[in-house]
N, C-alpha and C. Protein backbone atom coordinates (compact mmCIF):
# COMPACT_ATOMS: atom_id res chain seq x y z
N MET A 1 -21.24 -0.88 -3.97
CA MET A 1 -21.39 -2.00 -4.48
C MET A 1 -21.54 -3.59 -3.90
N LYS A 2 -22.49 -4.07 -3.74
CA LYS A 2 -22.61 -5.47 -2.77
C LYS A 2 -22.00 -6.50 -3.85
N LEU A 3 -20.98 -7.36 -3.03
CA LEU A 3 -20.17 -8.08 -3.68
C LEU A 3 -20.84 -9.63 -3.16
N ASP A 4 -21.19 -10.49 -4.38
CA ASP A 4 -21.42 -11.62 -4.09
C ASP A 4 -20.32 -12.55 -3.76
N ARG A 5 -20.58 -13.88 -3.55
CA ARG A 5 -19.71 -15.06 -3.21
C ARG A 5 -18.80 -14.83 -4.59
N ILE A 6 -19.09 -15.02 -5.86
CA ILE A 6 -18.33 -15.20 -6.83
C ILE A 6 -17.57 -13.93 -7.03
N ASP A 7 -18.00 -12.81 -6.85
CA ASP A 7 -17.10 -11.40 -6.99
C ASP A 7 -15.98 -11.50 -6.00
N ARG A 8 -16.17 -12.13 -4.66
CA ARG A 8 -15.21 -12.07 -3.72
C ARG A 8 -14.34 -13.08 -4.04
N LYS A 9 -14.56 -14.25 -4.70
CA LYS A 9 -13.82 -15.15 -5.09
C LYS A 9 -12.75 -14.71 -6.14
N ILE A 10 -13.46 -14.01 -7.26
CA ILE A 10 -12.50 -13.34 -8.24
C ILE A 10 -11.75 -12.61 -7.64
N LEU A 11 -12.10 -11.82 -6.73
CA LEU A 11 -10.88 -10.77 -5.97
C LEU A 11 -9.93 -11.42 -5.54
N ARG A 12 -10.07 -12.41 -4.67
CA ARG A 12 -9.20 -13.24 -3.74
C ARG A 12 -7.99 -14.09 -4.54
N LEU A 13 -8.60 -14.48 -5.92
CA LEU A 13 -7.77 -15.19 -6.83
C LEU A 13 -6.98 -14.26 -7.63
N LEU A 14 -7.58 -12.98 -8.08
CA LEU A 14 -6.38 -11.72 -8.58
C LEU A 14 -5.54 -11.24 -7.51
N GLN A 15 -5.83 -11.27 -6.31
CA GLN A 15 -4.86 -10.70 -5.19
C GLN A 15 -3.93 -11.77 -5.21
N ASN A 16 -3.85 -13.00 -5.37
CA ASN A 16 -2.91 -14.13 -5.17
C ASN A 16 -2.33 -14.18 -6.56
N ASP A 17 -2.73 -13.88 -7.82
CA ASP A 17 -2.12 -14.16 -8.91
C ASP A 17 -2.57 -12.73 -9.77
N GLY A 18 -2.08 -12.02 -10.15
CA GLY A 18 -2.84 -10.84 -11.00
C GLY A 18 -2.49 -11.23 -12.40
N ARG A 19 -1.74 -12.22 -12.69
CA ARG A 19 -1.51 -12.48 -14.06
C ARG A 19 -2.31 -13.59 -14.60
N ILE A 20 -3.33 -14.01 -13.80
CA ILE A 20 -3.94 -15.42 -14.09
C ILE A 20 -4.62 -14.77 -15.31
N SER A 21 -4.91 -15.80 -16.45
CA SER A 21 -5.89 -15.15 -17.39
C SER A 21 -7.07 -15.39 -17.11
N ASN A 22 -8.05 -14.73 -17.91
CA ASN A 22 -9.44 -14.81 -17.73
C ASN A 22 -10.07 -16.05 -17.87
N ARG A 23 -9.32 -16.76 -18.86
CA ARG A 23 -9.96 -18.08 -19.01
C ARG A 23 -9.85 -19.07 -17.78
N GLN A 24 -8.80 -19.06 -16.89
CA GLN A 24 -8.25 -19.41 -15.82
C GLN A 24 -9.18 -19.02 -14.80
N LEU A 25 -9.30 -18.06 -14.72
CA LEU A 25 -10.31 -17.18 -13.46
C LEU A 25 -11.64 -17.58 -13.50
N ALA A 26 -12.13 -17.88 -14.74
CA ALA A 26 -13.31 -18.12 -15.34
C ALA A 26 -13.85 -19.52 -14.58
N GLU A 27 -12.71 -20.66 -15.02
CA GLU A 27 -12.61 -21.98 -14.45
C GLU A 27 -12.70 -22.05 -13.27
N GLU A 28 -11.90 -21.09 -12.43
CA GLU A 28 -11.76 -21.13 -11.04
C GLU A 28 -13.44 -21.04 -10.12
N VAL A 29 -13.76 -20.20 -10.70
CA VAL A 29 -14.89 -19.29 -10.19
C VAL A 29 -16.31 -20.14 -10.75
N GLY A 30 -16.17 -21.03 -12.01
CA GLY A 30 -17.27 -21.61 -12.60
C GLY A 30 -18.08 -20.61 -13.44
N LEU A 31 -17.34 -19.74 -14.21
CA LEU A 31 -18.26 -19.11 -14.88
C LEU A 31 -17.93 -19.19 -16.37
N ALA A 32 -18.72 -18.75 -17.33
CA ALA A 32 -18.31 -18.68 -18.68
C ALA A 32 -17.00 -17.57 -18.88
N ALA A 33 -16.23 -17.37 -19.72
CA ALA A 33 -15.08 -16.55 -19.93
C ALA A 33 -15.70 -15.06 -20.07
N SER A 34 -16.63 -14.85 -20.97
CA SER A 34 -17.34 -13.54 -21.13
C SER A 34 -18.08 -12.84 -19.96
N THR A 35 -18.64 -13.88 -19.22
CA THR A 35 -19.25 -13.66 -17.87
C THR A 35 -18.53 -12.89 -17.04
N CYS A 36 -17.31 -13.78 -16.73
CA CYS A 36 -16.33 -13.40 -15.81
C CYS A 36 -15.50 -12.35 -16.34
N SER A 37 -15.25 -12.07 -17.46
CA SER A 37 -14.50 -10.71 -17.96
C SER A 37 -15.49 -9.49 -17.68
N HIS A 38 -16.74 -9.79 -17.57
CA HIS A 38 -17.75 -8.71 -17.24
C HIS A 38 -17.79 -8.29 -16.00
N ARG A 39 -17.62 -9.36 -15.44
CA ARG A 39 -17.69 -9.19 -13.81
C ARG A 39 -16.36 -8.38 -13.44
N VAL A 40 -15.22 -8.63 -14.15
CA VAL A 40 -13.89 -8.15 -13.77
C VAL A 40 -14.05 -6.40 -13.88
N ASN A 41 -14.46 -6.35 -15.28
CA ASN A 41 -14.55 -5.05 -15.46
C ASN A 41 -15.55 -4.10 -14.89
N ARG A 42 -16.65 -4.98 -13.99
CA ARG A 42 -17.84 -4.13 -13.24
C ARG A 42 -16.73 -3.84 -12.02
N LEU A 43 -16.12 -4.64 -11.43
CA LEU A 43 -15.54 -4.43 -10.34
C LEU A 43 -14.53 -3.51 -10.43
N ARG A 44 -13.74 -3.34 -11.68
CA ARG A 44 -13.10 -2.15 -11.77
C ARG A 44 -13.82 -0.99 -11.81
N GLU A 45 -14.84 -0.89 -12.83
CA GLU A 45 -15.62 0.38 -12.74
C GLU A 45 -16.21 0.83 -11.59
N ALA A 46 -16.45 0.00 -10.53
CA ALA A 46 -17.15 0.27 -9.27
C ALA A 46 -16.08 0.76 -8.24
N GLY A 47 -14.89 0.68 -8.75
CA GLY A 47 -13.54 1.31 -7.79
C GLY A 47 -13.13 0.13 -6.68
N VAL A 48 -13.84 -1.08 -6.91
CA VAL A 48 -13.69 -2.17 -5.91
C VAL A 48 -12.11 -2.74 -6.33
N LEU A 49 -11.96 -3.09 -7.72
CA LEU A 49 -11.00 -3.56 -7.96
C LEU A 49 -9.72 -2.42 -8.42
N LEU A 50 -8.68 -2.08 -7.77
CA LEU A 50 -8.02 -0.62 -7.68
C LEU A 50 -7.12 -0.64 -8.91
N ASP A 51 -6.18 -1.76 -8.90
CA ASP A 51 -4.89 -1.80 -9.52
C ASP A 51 -4.20 -3.46 -9.39
N MET A 52 -3.42 -3.58 -10.47
CA MET A 52 -2.69 -4.68 -10.51
C MET A 52 -1.06 -4.19 -10.43
N HIS A 53 -0.33 -5.15 -9.34
CA HIS A 53 0.86 -4.55 -9.33
C HIS A 53 1.98 -5.93 -9.55
N ALA A 54 3.25 -5.56 -9.97
CA ALA A 54 3.97 -6.74 -10.04
C ALA A 54 4.81 -6.40 -8.63
N THR A 55 5.57 -7.83 -8.24
CA THR A 55 6.26 -7.67 -6.86
C THR A 55 7.38 -7.60 -7.14
N VAL A 56 8.43 -6.70 -6.99
CA VAL A 56 10.09 -6.68 -7.33
C VAL A 56 10.66 -6.69 -6.27
N GLU A 57 11.88 -7.67 -6.49
CA GLU A 57 13.02 -7.67 -5.47
C GLU A 57 13.71 -6.31 -5.42
N PRO A 58 13.48 -5.89 -4.19
CA PRO A 58 14.14 -4.59 -3.72
C PRO A 58 15.52 -4.33 -4.10
N GLU A 59 16.22 -5.47 -3.85
CA GLU A 59 17.71 -5.26 -4.14
C GLU A 59 17.88 -5.18 -5.65
N ALA A 60 17.13 -5.77 -6.45
CA ALA A 60 17.34 -5.36 -7.84
C ALA A 60 17.18 -3.70 -8.31
N LEU A 61 16.48 -3.20 -7.41
CA LEU A 61 16.37 -1.55 -7.79
C LEU A 61 17.54 -0.82 -6.97
N GLY A 62 18.34 -1.59 -6.55
CA GLY A 62 19.32 -0.95 -5.26
C GLY A 62 18.71 -0.65 -4.16
N ILE A 63 17.71 -1.26 -3.46
CA ILE A 63 17.18 -0.90 -2.19
C ILE A 63 17.66 -1.83 -1.09
N GLY A 64 18.68 -1.16 -0.40
CA GLY A 64 19.39 -2.40 0.88
C GLY A 64 18.93 -1.98 2.00
N LEU A 65 17.92 -1.26 2.33
CA LEU A 65 17.59 -0.72 3.70
C LEU A 65 16.31 -0.50 3.47
N GLN A 66 15.35 -0.84 4.38
CA GLN A 66 14.05 -0.45 4.65
C GLN A 66 13.69 0.16 5.94
N ALA A 67 13.00 1.10 6.38
CA ALA A 67 12.84 1.94 7.80
C ALA A 67 11.73 2.19 7.68
N LEU A 68 10.97 2.27 9.13
CA LEU A 68 10.02 3.21 9.51
C LEU A 68 10.15 4.46 10.16
N VAL A 69 9.68 5.52 9.93
CA VAL A 69 10.15 6.88 10.03
C VAL A 69 8.71 7.26 10.94
N SER A 70 8.57 7.49 12.30
CA SER A 70 7.69 8.28 12.80
C SER A 70 7.96 9.80 12.74
N VAL A 71 6.62 10.47 12.51
CA VAL A 71 6.84 11.94 12.48
C VAL A 71 5.75 12.53 13.37
N SER A 72 5.97 13.61 14.23
CA SER A 72 5.15 14.30 15.00
C SER A 72 5.30 15.74 14.27
N LEU A 73 4.09 16.29 14.11
CA LEU A 73 4.05 17.75 13.41
C LEU A 73 3.48 18.68 14.62
N LYS A 74 4.05 19.78 14.30
CA LYS A 74 3.88 21.01 15.42
C LYS A 74 2.49 21.47 15.47
N ARG A 75 1.74 21.21 14.12
CA ARG A 75 0.58 22.04 14.28
C ARG A 75 -0.33 20.70 13.84
N HIS A 76 -1.52 20.75 14.00
CA HIS A 76 -2.49 19.60 13.54
C HIS A 76 -3.84 20.10 12.77
N SER A 77 -3.52 21.23 12.23
CA SER A 77 -4.51 21.73 11.50
C SER A 77 -4.69 20.70 9.94
N ARG A 78 -6.08 20.75 9.61
CA ARG A 78 -6.14 19.81 8.59
C ARG A 78 -5.38 20.21 7.13
N GLU A 79 -5.29 21.63 7.26
CA GLU A 79 -4.13 21.95 5.98
C GLU A 79 -2.65 21.53 6.27
N ALA A 80 -2.07 21.65 7.40
CA ALA A 80 -1.01 21.32 7.55
C ALA A 80 -0.70 19.66 7.58
N VAL A 81 -1.56 18.90 8.25
CA VAL A 81 -1.51 17.51 8.15
C VAL A 81 -1.85 16.93 6.63
N ARG A 82 -2.75 17.52 5.71
CA ARG A 82 -2.81 17.20 4.45
C ARG A 82 -1.56 17.39 3.79
N ALA A 83 -0.79 18.79 3.87
CA ALA A 83 0.30 19.29 3.40
C ALA A 83 1.38 18.17 3.40
N PHE A 84 1.80 17.92 4.64
CA PHE A 84 3.05 16.90 5.07
C PHE A 84 2.60 15.62 4.31
N HIS A 85 1.12 15.09 4.43
CA HIS A 85 0.83 13.96 3.78
C HIS A 85 1.36 13.80 2.31
N LEU A 86 1.18 14.77 1.45
CA LEU A 86 1.18 15.09 0.17
C LEU A 86 2.98 15.19 0.02
N HIS A 87 3.38 15.73 0.90
CA HIS A 87 4.97 16.04 0.89
C HIS A 87 5.45 14.79 0.93
N ALA A 88 5.26 13.82 1.94
CA ALA A 88 5.91 12.54 2.29
C ALA A 88 5.22 11.53 0.81
N LEU A 89 4.26 11.60 0.09
CA LEU A 89 3.86 10.90 -0.62
C LEU A 89 4.69 11.14 -1.99
N SER A 90 5.13 12.59 -2.19
CA SER A 90 6.04 13.06 -3.35
C SER A 90 7.44 12.27 -3.40
N LEU A 91 7.69 11.78 -2.39
CA LEU A 91 9.28 11.32 -2.19
C LEU A 91 9.19 9.78 -2.84
N ASP A 92 10.25 9.57 -3.67
CA ASP A 92 10.61 8.38 -4.22
C ASP A 92 10.54 7.33 -2.97
N GLU A 93 11.45 7.59 -2.24
CA GLU A 93 11.71 6.49 -1.07
C GLU A 93 10.62 6.27 -0.25
N VAL A 94 9.41 6.97 -0.15
CA VAL A 94 8.26 6.68 0.48
C VAL A 94 7.45 5.59 -0.12
N ARG A 95 7.45 4.33 0.92
CA ARG A 95 6.60 3.27 0.23
C ARG A 95 5.44 3.60 0.37
N ALA A 96 5.15 4.01 1.84
CA ALA A 96 3.64 3.91 2.22
C ALA A 96 3.75 5.15 3.57
N ALA A 97 2.56 5.61 3.51
CA ALA A 97 2.53 6.85 4.44
C ALA A 97 1.18 6.68 5.41
N TYR A 98 1.14 6.33 6.70
CA TYR A 98 0.02 6.02 7.35
C TYR A 98 -0.22 7.07 8.33
N HIS A 99 -1.21 7.81 8.45
CA HIS A 99 -1.81 9.02 9.12
C HIS A 99 -2.44 8.36 10.57
N VAL A 100 -1.72 8.44 11.66
CA VAL A 100 -1.96 7.67 12.52
C VAL A 100 -2.59 8.19 14.08
N THR A 101 -3.24 7.50 15.17
CA THR A 101 -3.23 8.34 16.25
C THR A 101 -2.24 7.82 17.04
N GLY A 102 -2.28 8.57 18.29
CA GLY A 102 -1.00 7.85 19.19
C GLY A 102 -0.02 9.39 19.22
N PRO A 103 0.95 9.28 20.05
CA PRO A 103 2.15 10.16 20.14
C PRO A 103 2.80 10.71 18.92
N ARG A 104 2.65 9.96 17.66
CA ARG A 104 3.09 10.47 16.60
C ARG A 104 1.90 10.71 15.34
N ASP A 105 2.20 11.55 14.34
CA ASP A 105 0.97 11.64 13.43
C ASP A 105 0.98 10.92 12.40
N PHE A 106 2.19 10.68 12.27
CA PHE A 106 2.64 9.75 10.75
C PHE A 106 3.63 8.59 10.77
N VAL A 107 3.50 7.55 10.22
CA VAL A 107 4.49 6.34 10.25
C VAL A 107 4.52 6.24 8.63
N LEU A 108 5.76 6.30 8.36
CA LEU A 108 6.22 6.27 6.92
C LEU A 108 7.23 5.27 6.82
N HIS A 109 6.93 4.11 5.71
CA HIS A 109 7.85 3.43 5.42
C HIS A 109 8.75 3.55 4.16
N LEU A 110 9.92 3.68 4.43
CA LEU A 110 11.19 4.17 3.44
C LEU A 110 11.97 3.12 2.90
N ALA A 111 11.83 3.08 1.72
CA ALA A 111 13.06 2.12 1.03
C ALA A 111 14.20 2.95 0.35
N VAL A 112 15.33 2.54 0.74
CA VAL A 112 16.82 3.53 0.56
C VAL A 112 17.77 2.39 0.40
N ARG A 113 18.81 3.32 -0.20
CA ARG A 113 20.04 2.28 -0.63
C ARG A 113 20.59 1.84 0.67
N ASP A 114 21.01 2.84 1.85
CA ASP A 114 21.87 2.49 2.97
C ASP A 114 21.22 3.41 4.01
N THR A 115 22.12 3.35 5.10
CA THR A 115 22.05 4.35 6.25
C THR A 115 22.23 5.66 5.93
N ASP A 116 23.30 5.87 5.08
CA ASP A 116 23.64 7.20 4.44
C ASP A 116 22.54 7.84 3.90
N HIS A 117 21.70 7.12 2.90
CA HIS A 117 20.45 7.36 2.23
C HIS A 117 19.69 7.84 3.23
N LEU A 118 19.37 6.82 4.11
CA LEU A 118 18.35 7.06 5.03
C LEU A 118 18.67 8.32 5.82
N ARG A 119 19.72 8.79 6.22
CA ARG A 119 20.02 9.85 7.11
C ARG A 119 19.75 11.24 6.37
N ASP A 120 20.08 10.77 4.68
CA ASP A 120 20.02 12.26 3.94
C ASP A 120 18.58 12.45 3.83
N VAL A 121 17.51 11.33 3.67
CA VAL A 121 16.22 11.86 3.40
C VAL A 121 15.57 12.01 4.68
N THR A 122 15.92 11.72 5.66
CA THR A 122 15.41 12.06 7.20
C THR A 122 15.66 13.41 7.39
N MET A 123 16.96 13.87 6.94
CA MET A 123 17.20 15.30 7.40
C MET A 123 16.98 16.11 6.12
N ASP A 124 16.98 15.93 5.02
CA ASP A 124 16.55 16.93 4.12
C ASP A 124 15.07 17.10 3.78
N ALA A 125 14.33 15.76 3.97
CA ALA A 125 13.12 15.98 3.53
C ALA A 125 12.09 16.01 4.56
N PHE A 126 12.51 15.57 5.85
CA PHE A 126 11.51 15.61 7.03
C PHE A 126 12.01 16.85 8.06
N THR A 127 13.23 16.78 8.46
CA THR A 127 13.71 17.80 9.68
C THR A 127 13.76 19.10 9.24
N THR A 128 13.77 19.45 7.63
CA THR A 128 13.95 20.53 7.26
C THR A 128 12.40 21.40 7.04
N HIS A 129 11.45 20.22 6.89
CA HIS A 129 10.22 20.69 6.78
C HIS A 129 9.58 21.47 7.98
N GLU A 130 8.93 22.55 7.73
CA GLU A 130 8.44 23.57 8.77
C GLU A 130 7.49 22.76 9.79
N GLU A 131 6.46 21.76 9.31
CA GLU A 131 5.81 21.53 10.16
C GLU A 131 6.40 20.19 11.07
N VAL A 132 7.31 19.64 10.71
CA VAL A 132 7.71 18.76 11.53
C VAL A 132 8.34 19.23 13.22
N ALA A 133 7.78 18.28 13.62
CA ALA A 133 8.44 18.75 15.22
C ALA A 133 9.40 17.89 15.59
N ASN A 134 9.31 16.53 15.17
CA ASN A 134 10.22 15.31 15.80
C ASN A 134 10.05 14.22 14.83
N ILE A 135 11.23 13.63 14.49
CA ILE A 135 10.97 12.37 13.72
C ILE A 135 11.77 10.95 14.70
N GLU A 136 11.41 9.81 14.42
CA GLU A 136 11.99 8.61 15.02
C GLU A 136 12.33 7.83 14.05
N THR A 137 13.32 7.19 13.90
CA THR A 137 13.60 6.13 12.87
C THR A 137 14.00 4.68 13.51
N SER A 138 13.20 3.77 12.84
CA SER A 138 13.47 2.44 13.35
C SER A 138 13.82 1.81 11.72
N ILE A 139 14.81 1.10 11.75
CA ILE A 139 15.47 0.09 10.53
C ILE A 139 14.63 -0.98 10.84
N ILE A 140 14.12 -1.60 9.64
CA ILE A 140 13.45 -2.66 9.40
C ILE A 140 14.39 -3.78 9.11
N TYR A 141 14.54 -4.92 9.93
CA TYR A 141 15.50 -6.23 9.80
C TYR A 141 15.08 -6.86 8.69
N GLU A 142 13.60 -7.46 8.88
CA GLU A 142 12.70 -8.24 7.83
C GLU A 142 11.61 -7.57 7.23
N PHE A 143 11.23 -7.69 6.13
CA PHE A 143 9.90 -7.35 5.52
C PHE A 143 9.03 -8.30 4.77
N ASP A 144 7.75 -8.55 5.19
CA ASP A 144 7.26 -9.67 4.64
C ASP A 144 5.56 -8.98 4.71
N SER A 145 4.76 -9.22 3.64
CA SER A 145 3.44 -8.58 3.56
C SER A 145 2.78 -9.79 3.19
N LYS A 146 1.70 -9.50 3.27
CA LYS A 146 0.47 -10.68 2.70
C LYS A 146 -0.12 -9.67 1.65
N PRO A 147 -0.07 -10.57 0.47
CA PRO A 147 -0.89 -9.85 -0.80
C PRO A 147 -2.36 -9.89 -0.71
N VAL A 148 -3.02 -10.69 -0.11
CA VAL A 148 -4.42 -10.82 0.08
C VAL A 148 -4.79 -10.39 1.11
N LEU A 149 -6.05 -9.34 0.99
CA LEU A 149 -6.71 -8.97 2.07
C LEU A 149 -7.73 -9.74 2.58
N PRO A 150 -7.72 -9.86 4.02
CA PRO A 150 -8.73 -10.72 4.46
C PRO A 150 -10.33 -10.64 4.17
N ASP A 151 -10.83 -11.66 3.60
CA ASP A 151 -12.48 -11.34 3.38
C ASP A 151 -13.35 -11.48 4.69
N LEU A 152 -13.78 -10.31 5.36
CA LEU A 152 -14.38 -10.17 6.53
C LEU A 152 -16.16 -10.08 6.38
N VAL A 153 -16.30 -10.36 5.23
CA VAL A 153 -17.94 -10.48 5.05
C VAL A 153 -18.42 -11.56 5.95
N GLU A 154 -19.53 -11.22 6.58
CA GLU A 154 -19.84 -12.21 7.71
C GLU A 154 -21.08 -12.73 6.67
N GLY A 155 -21.40 -14.21 6.97
CA GLY A 155 -22.64 -14.83 6.54
C GLY A 155 -22.27 -15.67 5.37
N GLU A 156 -21.20 -15.25 4.49
CA GLU A 156 -21.00 -16.03 3.26
C GLU A 156 -19.80 -16.69 3.34
N ASP A 157 -19.70 -17.98 3.03
CA ASP A 157 -18.45 -18.77 2.90
C ASP A 157 -18.14 -18.71 1.62
N LEU A 158 -16.78 -18.88 0.83
CA LEU A 158 -16.49 -18.87 -0.62
C LEU A 158 -16.51 -20.19 -0.76
């Protein structure tokens, strides 16, 4: 799907505030509310607009520590990589799983209660997994993320 300037502006506004009303969104992009609603639905149906999420304070859910766990696999067959990836994503503590290049095969972002919980997850879920050769854990001191993806489409300004 080719996105025009208005589609891209709708996406930027929704990334900044997923709770914005359709009326407000329509005003911001200069469309009638019905036309704006139709565009948002079209973006969803095309698979461009994937989901809406709430940002929650981690400590409210008992999360006191976040870490990055780098994992090296023993084998690199498509099946082994896929099996580990699915295993990692099945764990509640795994926030994100990145299959990467370089000396490690995966970098996993974990959210846990404390260092004891981190040790238990890494020992029970990773080191006992038959495909895992090695893990390396780095505690995250601070975590910030940008909610909006950069618009890298060339030639059209918003």
